[in-house]
Amino acid sequence: MGREVSLIARRCERAVVTAYRELRQHGTADLAAFQACTVLYRIHHPEASQAEARRLVAEWIDHHVVRGSSAPTPGCACG
């Protein structure tokens, strides 16, 4: 887990993926973990709409957690 997460370039993306994994490991339900990560993303990007935050968080979780990919993602513009 640690090595894969450390390859994520964006701090917001790394924070979201790490938080999601840790919340799920500690028994937090999927939807609650997703919602918490959406809030976390908006802390990093207060200018983002709720819809944009949900879309990016869902893409990052799918990419890094579900698919287990360490390849770069399109993500946000904060790069």
PDB file of N, CA and C in Angstrom:
ATOM      1  N   MET A   1       0.813  -1.188   0.000  1.00  0.00           N
ATOM      2  CA  MET A   1       0.000   0.000   0.000  1.00  0.00           C
ATOM      3  C   MET A   1       0.860   1.257   0.000  1.00  0.00           C
ATOM      4  N   GLY A   2       1.767   1.432   0.900  1.00  0.00           N
ATOM      5  CA  GLY A   2       2.550   2.645   1.032  1.00  0.00           C
ATOM      6  C   GLY A   2       3.314   3.019  -0.215  1.00  0.00           C
ATOM      7  N   ARG A   3       3.944   2.059  -0.864  1.00  0.00           N
ATOM      8  CA  ARG A   3       4.731   2.350  -2.055  1.00  0.00           C
ATOM      9  C   ARG A   3       3.840   2.849  -3.173  1.00  0.00           C
ATOM     10  N   GLU A   4       2.721   2.208  -3.401  1.00  0.00           N
ATOM     11  CA  GLU A   4       1.817   2.628  -4.467  1.00  0.00           C
ATOM     12  C   GLU A   4       1.290   4.030  -4.217  1.00  0.00           C
ATOM     13  N   VAL A   5       0.889   4.322  -3.002  1.00  0.00           N
ATOM     14  CA  VAL A   5       0.350   5.635  -2.688  1.00  0.00           C
ATOM     15  C   VAL A   5       1.418   6.699  -2.848  1.00  0.00           C
ATOM     16  N   SER A   6       2.665   6.393  -2.492  1.00  0.00           N
ATOM     17  CA  SER A   6       3.725   7.386  -2.580  1.00  0.00           C
ATOM     18  C   SER A   6       4.022   7.791  -4.018  1.00  0.00           C
ATOM     19  N   LEU A   7       3.595   7.004  -4.999  1.00  0.00           N
ATOM     20  CA  LEU A   7       3.814   7.334  -6.400  1.00  0.00           C
ATOM     21  C   LEU A   7       2.795   8.348  -6.922  1.00  0.00           C
ATOM     22  N   ILE A   8       1.777   8.667  -6.148  1.00  0.00           N
ATOM     23  CA  ILE A   8       0.756   9.612  -6.572  1.00  0.00           C
ATOM     24  C   ILE A   8       1.323  11.023  -6.419  1.00  0.00           C
ATOM     25  N   ALA A   9       1.333  11.771  -7.516  1.00  0.00           N
ATOM     26  CA  ALA A   9       1.992  13.071  -7.538  1.00  0.00           C
ATOM     27  C   ALA A   9       1.213  14.173  -6.812  1.00  0.00           C
ATOM     28  N   ARG A  10      -0.085  14.211  -6.984  1.00  0.00           N
ATOM     29  CA  ARG A  10      -0.874  15.291  -6.390  1.00  0.00           C
ATOM     30  C   ARG A  10      -1.118  15.025  -4.909  1.00  0.00           C
ATOM     31  N   ARG A  11      -0.878  16.041  -4.097  1.00  0.00           N
ATOM     32  CA  ARG A  11      -1.104  15.870  -2.654  1.00  0.00           C
ATOM     33  C   ARG A  11      -2.566  15.570  -2.354  1.00  0.00           C
ATOM     34  N   CYS A  12      -3.483  16.243  -3.057  1.00  0.00           N
ATOM     35  CA  CYS A  12      -4.901  16.021  -2.791  1.00  0.00           C
ATOM     36  C   CYS A  12      -5.298  14.595  -3.172  1.00  0.00           C
ATOM     37  N   GLU A  13      -4.781  14.103  -4.277  1.00  0.00           N
ATOM     38  CA  GLU A  13      -5.097  12.743  -4.721  1.00  0.00           C
ATOM     39  C   GLU A  13      -4.525  11.721  -3.750  1.00  0.00           C
ATOM     40  N   ARG A  14      -3.296  11.933  -3.329  1.00  0.00           N
ATOM     41  CA  ARG A  14      -2.659  11.032  -2.371  1.00  0.00           C
ATOM     42  C   ARG A  14      -3.424  11.035  -1.053  1.00  0.00           C
ATOM     43  N   ALA A  15      -3.844  12.213  -0.594  1.00  0.00           N
ATOM     44  CA  ALA A  15      -4.600  12.317   0.662  1.00  0.00           C
ATOM     45  C   ALA A  15      -5.924  11.576   0.569  1.00  0.00           C
ATOM     46  N   VAL A  16      -6.616  11.744  -0.557  1.00  0.00           N
ATOM     47  CA  VAL A  16      -7.916  11.096  -0.757  1.00  0.00           C
ATOM     48  C   VAL A  16      -7.772   9.578  -0.770  1.00  0.00           C
ATOM     49  N   VAL A  17      -6.841   9.069  -1.544  1.00  0.00           N
ATOM     50  CA  VAL A  17      -6.665   7.617  -1.670  1.00  0.00           C
ATOM     51  C   VAL A  17      -6.217   7.012  -0.338  1.00  0.00           C
ATOM     52  N   THR A  18      -5.301   7.667   0.337  1.00  0.00           N
ATOM     53  CA  THR A  18      -4.831   7.179   1.635  1.00  0.00           C
ATOM     54  C   THR A  18      -5.972   7.176   2.655  1.00  0.00           C
ATOM     55  N   ALA A  19      -6.720   8.270   2.706  1.00  0.00           N
ATOM     56  CA  ALA A  19      -7.837   8.350   3.651  1.00  0.00           C
ATOM     57  C   ALA A  19      -8.878   7.275   3.371  1.00  0.00           C
ATOM     58  N   TYR A  20      -9.224   7.083   2.101  1.00  0.00           N
ATOM     59  CA  TYR A  20     -10.213   6.072   1.750  1.00  0.00           C
ATOM     60  C   TYR A  20      -9.753   4.689   2.204  1.00  0.00           C
ATOM     61  N   ARG A  21      -8.524   4.348   1.878  1.00  0.00           N
ATOM     62  CA  ARG A  21      -8.006   3.022   2.268  1.00  0.00           C
ATOM     63  C   ARG A  21      -8.016   2.843   3.781  1.00  0.00           C
ATOM     64  N   GLU A  22      -7.566   3.849   4.497  1.00  0.00           N
ATOM     65  CA  GLU A  22      -7.499   3.725   5.956  1.00  0.00           C
ATOM     66  C   GLU A  22      -8.887   3.667   6.589  1.00  0.00           C
ATOM     67  N   LEU A  23      -9.798   4.467   6.093  1.00  0.00           N
ATOM     68  CA  LEU A  23     -11.169   4.403   6.611  1.00  0.00           C
ATOM     69  C   LEU A  23     -11.774   3.020   6.383  1.00  0.00           C
ATOM     70  N   ARG A  24     -11.599   2.481   5.197  1.00  0.00           N
ATOM     71  CA  ARG A  24     -12.154   1.156   4.890  1.00  0.00           C
ATOM     72  C   ARG A  24     -11.477   0.075   5.733  1.00  0.00           C
ATOM     73  N   GLN A  25     -10.170   0.180   5.942  1.00  0.00           N
ATOM     74  CA  GLN A  25      -9.457  -0.802   6.767  1.00  0.00           C
ATOM     75  C   GLN A  25      -9.948  -0.784   8.210  1.00  0.00           C
ATOM     76  N   HIS A  26     -10.442   0.361   8.659  1.00  0.00           N
ATOM     77  CA  HIS A  26     -10.931   0.475  10.033  1.00  0.00           C
ATOM     78  C   HIS A  26     -12.436   0.272  10.142  1.00  0.00           C
ATOM     79  N   GLY A  27     -13.040  -0.261   9.084  1.00  0.00           N
ATOM     80  CA  GLY A  27     -14.434  -0.669   9.153  1.00  0.00           C
ATOM     81  C   GLY A  27     -15.467   0.356   8.727  1.00  0.00           C
ATOM     82  N   THR A  28     -15.034   1.483   8.221  1.00  0.00           N
ATOM     83  CA  THR A  28     -15.987   2.485   7.745  1.00  0.00           C
ATOM     84  C   THR A  28     -16.664   1.971   6.481  1.00  0.00           C
ATOM     85  N   ALA A  29     -17.957   2.146   6.393  1.00  0.00           N
ATOM     86  CA  ALA A  29     -18.708   1.711   5.215  1.00  0.00           C
ATOM     87  C   ALA A  29     -18.225   2.464   3.977  1.00  0.00           C
ATOM     88  N   ASP A  30     -18.381   1.840   2.828  1.00  0.00           N
ATOM     89  CA  ASP A  30     -17.910   2.406   1.567  1.00  0.00           C
ATOM     90  C   ASP A  30     -18.466   3.806   1.324  1.00  0.00           C
ATOM     91  N   LEU A  31     -19.761   3.988   1.438  1.00  0.00           N
ATOM     92  CA  LEU A  31     -20.370   5.283   1.154  1.00  0.00           C
ATOM     93  C   LEU A  31     -19.886   6.353   2.128  1.00  0.00           C
ATOM     94  N   ALA A  32     -19.774   6.021   3.395  1.00  0.00           N
ATOM     95  CA  ALA A  32     -19.287   6.982   4.388  1.00  0.00           C
ATOM     96  C   ALA A  32     -17.836   7.368   4.109  1.00  0.00           C
ATOM     97  N   ALA A  33     -17.008   6.405   3.716  1.00  0.00           N
ATOM     98  CA  ALA A  33     -15.611   6.694   3.373  1.00  0.00           C
ATOM     99  C   ALA A  33     -15.542   7.580   2.137  1.00  0.00           C
ATOM    100  N   PHE A  34     -16.375   7.287   1.156  1.00  0.00           N
ATOM    101  CA  PHE A  34     -16.422   8.099  -0.067  1.00  0.00           C
ATOM    102  C   PHE A  34     -16.833   9.529   0.266  1.00  0.00           C
ATOM    103  N   GLN A  35     -17.855   9.690   1.089  1.00  0.00           N
ATOM    104  CA  GLN A  35     -18.323  11.030   1.456  1.00  0.00           C
ATOM    105  C   GLN A  35     -17.242  11.799   2.223  1.00  0.00           C
ATOM    106  N   ALA A  36     -16.552  11.128   3.119  1.00  0.00           N
ATOM    107  CA  ALA A  36     -15.477  11.773   3.870  1.00  0.00           C
ATOM    108  C   ALA A  36     -14.363  12.224   2.932  1.00  0.00           C
ATOM    109  N   CYS A  37     -14.061  11.409   1.949  1.00  0.00           N
ATOM    110  CA  CYS A  37     -13.009  11.754   0.999  1.00  0.00           C
ATOM    111  C   CYS A  37     -13.421  12.889   0.078  1.00  0.00           C
ATOM    112  N   THR A  38     -14.706  12.987  -0.205  1.00  0.00           N
ATOM    113  CA  THR A  38     -15.205  14.115  -0.991  1.00  0.00           C
ATOM    114  C   THR A  38     -15.012  15.409  -0.205  1.00  0.00           C
ATOM    115  N   VAL A  39     -15.306  15.377   1.089  1.00  0.00           N
ATOM    116  CA  VAL A  39     -15.082  16.538   1.944  1.00  0.00           C
ATOM    117  C   VAL A  39     -13.590  16.872   1.990  1.00  0.00           C
ATOM    118  N   LEU A  40     -12.752  15.862   2.129  1.00  0.00           N
ATOM    119  CA  LEU A  40     -11.304  16.063   2.156  1.00  0.00           C
ATOM    120  C   LEU A  40     -10.822  16.726   0.867  1.00  0.00           C
ATOM    121  N   TYR A  41     -11.311  16.271  -0.273  1.00  0.00           N
ATOM    122  CA  TYR A  41     -10.928  16.887  -1.545  1.00  0.00           C
ATOM    123  C   TYR A  41     -11.313  18.369  -1.553  1.00  0.00           C
ATOM    124  N   ARG A  42     -12.494  18.671  -1.066  1.00  0.00           N
ATOM    125  CA  ARG A  42     -12.954  20.066  -1.081  1.00  0.00           C
ATOM    126  C   ARG A  42     -12.193  20.932  -0.076  1.00  0.00           C
ATOM    127  N   ILE A  43     -11.571  20.334   0.910  1.00  0.00           N
ATOM    128  CA  ILE A  43     -10.676  21.088   1.799  1.00  0.00           C
ATOM    129  C   ILE A  43      -9.446  21.516   1.003  1.00  0.00           C
ATOM    130  N   HIS A  44      -8.926  20.606   0.190  1.00  0.00           N
ATOM    131  CA  HIS A  44      -7.778  20.925  -0.667  1.00  0.00           C
ATOM    132  C   HIS A  44      -8.178  21.882  -1.791  1.00  0.00           C
ATOM    133  N   HIS A  45      -9.408  21.784  -2.253  1.00  0.00           N
ATOM    134  CA  HIS A  45      -9.900  22.578  -3.388  1.00  0.00           C
ATOM    135  C   HIS A  45     -11.275  23.165  -3.067  1.00  0.00           C
ATOM    136  N   PRO A  46     -11.315  24.220  -2.254  1.00  0.00           N
ATOM    137  CA  PRO A  46     -12.616  24.799  -1.893  1.00  0.00           C
ATOM    138  C   PRO A  46     -13.371  25.386  -3.091  1.00  0.00           C
ATOM    139  N   GLU A  47     -12.669  25.645  -4.160  1.00  0.00           N
ATOM    140  CA  GLU A  47     -13.317  26.180  -5.362  1.00  0.00           C
ATOM    141  C   GLU A  47     -14.094  25.123  -6.142  1.00  0.00           C
ATOM    142  N   ALA A  48     -13.858  23.856  -5.840  1.00  0.00           N
ATOM    143  CA  ALA A  48     -14.495  22.757  -6.575  1.00  0.00           C
ATOM    144  C   ALA A  48     -15.954  22.596  -6.158  1.00  0.00           C
ATOM    145  N   SER A  49     -16.783  22.290  -7.127  1.00  0.00           N
ATOM    146  CA  SER A  49     -18.183  22.000  -6.828  1.00  0.00           C
ATOM    147  C   SER A  49     -18.284  20.619  -6.186  1.00  0.00           C
ATOM    148  N   GLN A  50     -19.410  20.376  -5.554  1.00  0.00           N
ATOM    149  CA  GLN A  50     -19.659  19.051  -4.969  1.00  0.00           C
ATOM    150  C   GLN A  50     -19.616  17.981  -6.061  1.00  0.00           C
ATOM    151  N   ALA A  51     -20.198  18.266  -7.206  1.00  0.00           N
ATOM    152  CA  ALA A  51     -20.233  17.299  -8.308  1.00  0.00           C
ATOM    153  C   ALA A  51     -18.822  16.995  -8.813  1.00  0.00           C
ATOM    154  N   GLU A  52     -17.995  18.031  -8.961  1.00  0.00           N
ATOM    155  CA  GLU A  52     -16.618  17.816  -9.416  1.00  0.00           C
ATOM    156  C   GLU A  52     -15.840  16.987  -8.403  1.00  0.00           C
ATOM    157  N   ALA A  53     -16.008  17.298  -7.125  1.00  0.00           N
ATOM    158  CA  ALA A  53     -15.316  16.550  -6.075  1.00  0.00           C
ATOM    159  C   ALA A  53     -15.730  15.086  -6.095  1.00  0.00           C
ATOM    160  N   ARG A  54     -17.013  14.833  -6.203  1.00  0.00           N
ATOM    161  CA  ARG A  54     -17.497  13.438  -6.246  1.00  0.00           C
ATOM    162  C   ARG A  54     -16.928  12.691  -7.448  1.00  0.00           C
ATOM    163  N   ARG A  55     -16.913  13.354  -8.603  1.00  0.00           N
ATOM    164  CA  ARG A  55     -16.405  12.710  -9.818  1.00  0.00           C
ATOM    165  C   ARG A  55     -14.931  12.340  -9.675  1.00  0.00           C
ATOM    166  N   LEU A  56     -14.112  13.291  -9.215  1.00  0.00           N
ATOM    167  CA  LEU A  56     -12.684  13.016  -9.078  1.00  0.00           C
ATOM    168  C   LEU A  56     -12.403  11.959  -8.022  1.00  0.00           C
ATOM    169  N   VAL A  57     -13.064  12.057  -6.879  1.00  0.00           N
ATOM    170  CA  VAL A  57     -12.854  11.071  -5.817  1.00  0.00           C
ATOM    171  C   VAL A  57     -13.245   9.683  -6.313  1.00  0.00           C
ATOM    172  N   ALA A  58     -14.368   9.581  -7.007  1.00  0.00           N
ATOM    173  CA  ALA A  58     -14.794   8.281  -7.553  1.00  0.00           C
ATOM    174  C   ALA A  58     -13.774   7.752  -8.546  1.00  0.00           C
ATOM    175  N   GLU A  59     -13.263   8.618  -9.423  1.00  0.00           N
ATOM    176  CA  GLU A  59     -12.254   8.186 -10.406  1.00  0.00           C
ATOM    177  C   GLU A  59     -10.990   7.713  -9.713  1.00  0.00           C
ATOM    178  N   TRP A  60     -10.523   8.456  -8.702  1.00  0.00           N
ATOM    179  CA  TRP A  60      -9.297   8.080  -8.008  1.00  0.00           C
ATOM    180  C   TRP A  60      -9.453   6.779  -7.238  1.00  0.00           C
ATOM    181  N   ILE A  61     -10.581   6.600  -6.572  1.00  0.00           N
ATOM    182  CA  ILE A  61     -10.814   5.356  -5.832  1.00  0.00           C
ATOM    183  C   ILE A  61     -10.873   4.184  -6.804  1.00  0.00           C
ATOM    184  N   ASP A  62     -11.590   4.359  -7.896  1.00  0.00           N
ATOM    185  CA  ASP A  62     -11.667   3.303  -8.896  1.00  0.00           C
ATOM    186  C   ASP A  62     -10.283   2.980  -9.446  1.00  0.00           C
ATOM    187  N   HIS A  63      -9.532   3.999  -9.792  1.00  0.00           N
ATOM    188  CA  HIS A  63      -8.217   3.819 -10.419  1.00  0.00           C
ATOM    189  C   HIS A  63      -7.209   3.157  -9.469  1.00  0.00           C
ATOM    190  N   HIS A  64      -7.066   3.731  -8.271  1.00  0.00           N
ATOM    191  CA  HIS A  64      -6.013   3.273  -7.361  1.00  0.00           C
ATOM    192  C   HIS A  64      -6.424   2.120  -6.452  1.00  0.00           C
ATOM    193  N   VAL A  65      -7.674   2.093  -6.010  1.00  0.00           N
ATOM    194  CA  VAL A  65      -8.103   1.085  -5.042  1.00  0.00           C
ATOM    195  C   VAL A  65      -8.752  -0.098  -5.739  1.00  0.00           C
ATOM    196  N   VAL A  66      -9.757   0.150  -6.557  1.00  0.00           N
ATOM    197  CA  VAL A  66     -10.482  -0.945  -7.204  1.00  0.00           C
ATOM    198  C   VAL A  66      -9.602  -1.642  -8.238  1.00  0.00           C
ATOM    199  N   ARG A  67      -9.000  -0.861  -9.132  1.00  0.00           N
ATOM    200  CA  ARG A  67      -8.156  -1.448 -10.193  1.00  0.00           C
ATOM    201  C   ARG A  67      -6.723  -1.711  -9.753  1.00  0.00           C
ATOM    202  N   GLY A  68      -6.300  -1.069  -8.677  1.00  0.00           N
ATOM    203  CA  GLY A  68      -4.942  -1.263  -8.164  1.00  0.00           C
ATOM    204  C   GLY A  68      -3.870  -0.683  -9.059  1.00  0.00           C
ATOM    205  N   SER A  69      -4.209   0.314  -9.845  1.00  0.00           N
ATOM    206  CA  SER A  69      -3.245   0.903 -10.784  1.00  0.00           C
ATOM    207  C   SER A  69      -2.387   1.970 -10.096  1.00  0.00           C
ATOM    208  N   SER A  70      -1.132   2.046 -10.466  1.00  0.00           N
ATOM    209  CA  SER A  70      -0.250   3.104  -9.966  1.00  0.00           C
ATOM    210  C   SER A  70       0.072   4.088 -11.083  1.00  0.00           C
ATOM    211  N   ALA A  71      -0.553   3.910 -12.247  1.00  0.00           N
ATOM    212  CA  ALA A  71      -0.341   4.835 -13.367  1.00  0.00           C
ATOM    213  C   ALA A  71      -0.945   6.195 -13.035  1.00  0.00           C
ATOM    214  N   PRO A  72      -0.450   7.245 -13.659  1.00  0.00           N
ATOM    215  CA  PRO A  72      -1.010   8.581 -13.404  1.00  0.00           C
ATOM    216  C   PRO A  72      -2.476   8.678 -13.831  1.00  0.00           C
ATOM    217  N   THR A  73      -3.207   9.586 -13.212  1.00  0.00           N
ATOM    218  CA  THR A  73      -4.594   9.835 -13.562  1.00  0.00           C
ATOM    219  C   THR A  73      -4.721  11.257 -14.106  1.00  0.00           C
ATOM    220  N   PRO A  74      -5.772  11.530 -14.889  1.00  0.00           N
ATOM    221  CA  PRO A  74      -5.969  12.900 -15.357  1.00  0.00           C
ATOM    222  C   PRO A  74      -6.169  13.871 -14.190  1.00  0.00           C
ATOM    223  N   GLY A  75      -6.985  13.471 -13.215  1.00  0.00           N
ATOM    224  CA  GLY A  75      -7.143  14.227 -11.985  1.00  0.00           C
ATOM    225  C   GLY A  75      -7.481  15.683 -12.116  1.00  0.00           C
ATOM    226  N   CYS A  76      -7.049  16.447 -11.126  1.00  0.00           N
ATOM    227  CA  CYS A  76      -7.323  17.881 -11.083  1.00  0.00           C
ATOM    228  C   CYS A  76      -6.127  18.640 -11.648  1.00  0.00           C
ATOM    229  N   ALA A  77      -6.268  19.946 -11.731  1.00  0.00           N
ATOM    230  CA  ALA A  77      -5.228  20.774 -12.344  1.00  0.00           C
ATOM    231  C   ALA A  77      -4.140  21.221 -11.383  1.00  0.00           C
ATOM    232  N   CYS A  78      -4.178  20.775 -10.130  1.00  0.00           N
ATOM    233  CA  CYS A  78      -3.188  21.282  -9.164  1.00  0.00           C
ATOM    234  C   CYS A  78      -1.827  20.608  -9.321  1.00  0.00           C
ATOM    235  N   GLY A  79      -1.803  19.482 -10.020  1.00  0.00           N
ATOM    236  CA  GLY A  79      -0.642  18.696 -10.342  1.00  0.00           C
ATOM    237  C   GLY A  79       0.583  18.971  -9.624  1.00  0.00           C
TER     238      GLY A  79
END
